[in-house]
Protein backbone atom coordinates (compact mmCIF):
# COMPACT_ATOMS: atom_id res chain seq x y z
CA MET A 1 26.26 6.37 -1.55
CA ILE A 2 22.68 5.22 -1.86
CA THR A 3 20.46 5.18 -4.92
CA VAL A 4 16.80 6.09 -4.76
CA ARG A 5 14.15 5.96 -7.47
CA GLY A 6 12.16 9.12 -7.69
CA ALA A 7 11.06 12.15 -9.63
CA VAL A 8 10.93 15.88 -9.19
CA ILE A 9 7.67 17.19 -10.60
CA ILE A 10 6.28 20.67 -11.15
CA GLU A 11 2.50 20.68 -11.20
CA GLN A 12 0.36 23.81 -11.03
CA GLY A 13 3.33 25.84 -9.84
CA VAL A 14 4.25 23.42 -7.04
CA THR A 15 7.60 21.62 -7.21
CA PHE A 16 7.70 18.37 -5.25
CA ALA A 17 9.69 15.17 -5.04
CA ILE A 18 8.21 11.69 -5.12
CA ILE A 19 10.41 8.86 -3.87
CA ALA A 20 9.70 5.15 -4.15
CA VAL A 21 10.31 3.25 -0.91
CA LYS A 22 9.63 -0.22 0.40
CA GLN A 23 6.31 -0.88 2.06
CA SER A 24 8.17 -1.54 5.32
CA VAL A 25 9.00 2.19 5.38
CA THR A 26 5.40 3.30 4.96
CA ASN A 27 3.98 0.86 7.51
CA TYR A 28 5.07 3.13 10.37
CA THR A 29 4.38 6.85 10.74
CA ALA A 30 7.63 7.46 12.62
CA ARG A 31 9.61 5.84 9.80
CA ILE A 32 7.78 7.95 7.18
CA VAL A 33 8.67 11.13 9.08
CA GLN A 34 12.30 10.04 9.50
CA VAL A 35 12.82 9.14 5.84
CA ARG A 36 11.17 12.35 4.62
CA GLN A 37 13.43 14.38 6.95
CA GLU A 38 16.53 12.56 5.69
CA LEU A 39 15.54 13.14 2.06
CA SER A 40 14.77 16.83 2.62
CA TYR A 41 18.52 17.52 2.65
CA PHE A 42 18.78 16.24 -0.94
CA PHE A 43 15.47 17.71 -2.15
CA PRO A 44 15.50 21.09 -0.37
CA ASN A 45 12.54 23.43 -0.14
CA MET A 46 10.05 21.02 -1.67
CA PRO A 47 7.41 18.68 -0.28
CA ILE A 48 8.50 15.05 -0.31
CA ILE A 49 5.98 12.36 -1.11
CA LEU A 50 6.81 8.74 -0.38
CA MET A 51 5.32 6.04 -2.57
CA SER A 52 5.21 2.33 -1.85
CA LEU A 53 3.51 -0.53 -3.65
CA ASP A 54 1.21 -2.89 -1.80
CA GLN A 55 1.18 -6.67 -2.33
CA ASN A 56 -1.08 -6.18 -5.37
CA GLY A 57 1.29 -3.67 -6.97
CA LEU A 58 -0.98 -0.70 -6.26
CA PRO A 59 0.74 2.57 -5.28
CA HIS A 60 0.10 4.30 -1.97
CA TYR A 61 1.30 7.85 -1.41
CA TYR A 62 2.31 9.56 1.84
CA GLY A 63 2.80 13.29 2.21
CA ARG A 64 1.06 16.56 1.54
CA LYS A 65 -2.63 15.85 1.04
CA ASP A 66 -3.23 17.95 -2.09
CA ILE A 67 -0.24 16.38 -3.84
CA VAL A 68 -1.28 12.87 -2.78
CA GLU A 69 -4.76 13.50 -4.21
CA PHE A 70 -3.20 14.65 -7.49
CA LEU A 71 -0.94 11.59 -7.69
CA LYS A 72 -3.93 9.29 -7.23
CA THR A 73 -5.29 10.61 -10.54
CA ILE A 74 -2.29 9.61 -12.66
CA ARG A 75 -0.72 6.30 -13.63
CA LEU A 76 2.68 5.26 -12.31
CA ASP A 77 4.09 5.19 -15.83
CA GLN A 78 3.21 8.89 -16.23
CA ILE A 79 5.72 9.79 -13.51
CA PRO A 80 9.17 10.66 -14.96
CA TRP A 81 11.10 8.24 -12.73
CA LYS A 82 14.88 8.37 -12.57
CA GLU A 83 17.61 7.22 -10.24
CA TYR A 84 19.16 9.68 -7.83
CA HIS A 85 22.57 8.90 -6.38
CA ILE A 86 22.80 10.38 -2.90
CA TYR A 87 26.17 10.79 -1.19
């Protein structure tokens, strides 16, 4: 079992998942693609956005462009984070 920190959000009729990952995941495009594919099994039929924090604690989002642009307009504490236990 692994535990991930994330949220499932419905915004303007679009349901998507945002998952917090380490910056080492988002440093490489191939790793981003791999992790999103692995998570798609647990968050089916929804876009998956990966979020990592840089060394200054600022969030960076990776995924569908329109969702990423939306997430840039909100604060991290506005996201309803919770822990997901994946088996």
